[in-house]
Amino acid sequence: MAIRAEHEIHQRRLGRNVGLGLVLIGFVALVYFLTIAKVTSPKPNTLPASEQTQ
């Protein structure tokens, strides 16, 4: 069985897959860093105004 040359459609599909993979990695990184920022931010004061000390 002879080794066949790669068809043009395979090259285009590889390019699309790499692009989509990079977009997905970027989205996961964005969600990760937003989650870290949300978890590490100080909590707002949630007491009612009548119970807050001055």
Protein backbone atom coordinates (compact mmCIF):
# COMPACT_ATOMS: atom_id res chain seq x y z
CA MET A 1 0.00 0.00 0.00
CA ALA A 2 1.47 3.30 -1.08
CA ILE A 3 1.60 6.33 1.19
CA ARG A 4 -0.84 8.88 -0.18
CA ALA A 5 -0.20 12.60 -0.19
CA GLU A 6 -2.33 14.61 2.19
CA HIS A 7 -5.35 16.10 0.49
CA GLU A 8 -6.08 19.83 0.61
CA ILE A 9 -9.22 19.31 2.70
CA HIS A 10 -7.12 17.72 5.46
CA GLN A 11 -4.89 20.79 5.63
CA ARG A 12 -7.92 23.09 5.88
CA ARG A 13 -9.54 20.88 8.50
CA LEU A 14 -6.31 20.85 10.55
CA GLY A 15 -6.16 24.65 10.39
CA ARG A 16 -9.76 24.94 11.56
CA ASN A 17 -9.21 22.44 14.37
CA VAL A 18 -6.12 24.28 15.61
CA GLY A 19 -8.01 27.60 15.50
CA LEU A 20 -10.98 26.18 17.39
CA GLY A 21 -8.65 24.59 19.95
CA LEU A 22 -6.98 27.95 20.59
CA VAL A 23 -10.36 29.67 20.98
CA LEU A 24 -11.49 27.01 23.47
CA ILE A 25 -8.26 27.29 25.46
CA GLY A 26 -8.71 31.08 25.56
CA PHE A 27 -12.29 30.73 26.77
CA VAL A 28 -11.31 28.27 29.50
CA ALA A 29 -8.48 30.58 30.61
CA LEU A 30 -10.88 33.55 30.70
CA VAL A 31 -13.42 31.66 32.84
CA TYR A 32 -10.63 30.40 35.12
CA PHE A 33 -9.15 33.84 35.75
CA LEU A 34 -12.58 35.45 36.24
CA THR A 35 -13.40 32.74 38.79
CA ILE A 36 -10.11 33.33 40.64
CA ALA A 37 -10.76 37.08 40.66
CA LYS A 38 -14.30 36.58 41.98
CA VAL A 39 -13.24 34.15 44.73
CA THR A 40 -10.32 36.26 45.96
CA SER A 41 -12.15 39.61 45.94
CA PRO A 42 -13.25 40.99 49.33
CA LYS A 43 -16.83 40.29 50.25
CA PRO A 44 -19.19 43.29 50.26
CA ASN A 45 -20.88 44.25 53.50
CA THR A 46 -24.19 42.39 53.42
CA LEU A 47 -25.63 43.56 56.75
CA PRO A 48 -28.77 45.69 56.67
CA ALA A 49 -28.17 49.41 57.22
CA SER A 50 -29.79 49.26 60.67
CA GLU A 51 -27.27 46.64 61.88
CA GLN A 52 -24.12 48.28 60.52
CA THR A 53 -21.76 49.89 63.03
CA GLN A 54 -20.38 53.31 62.34
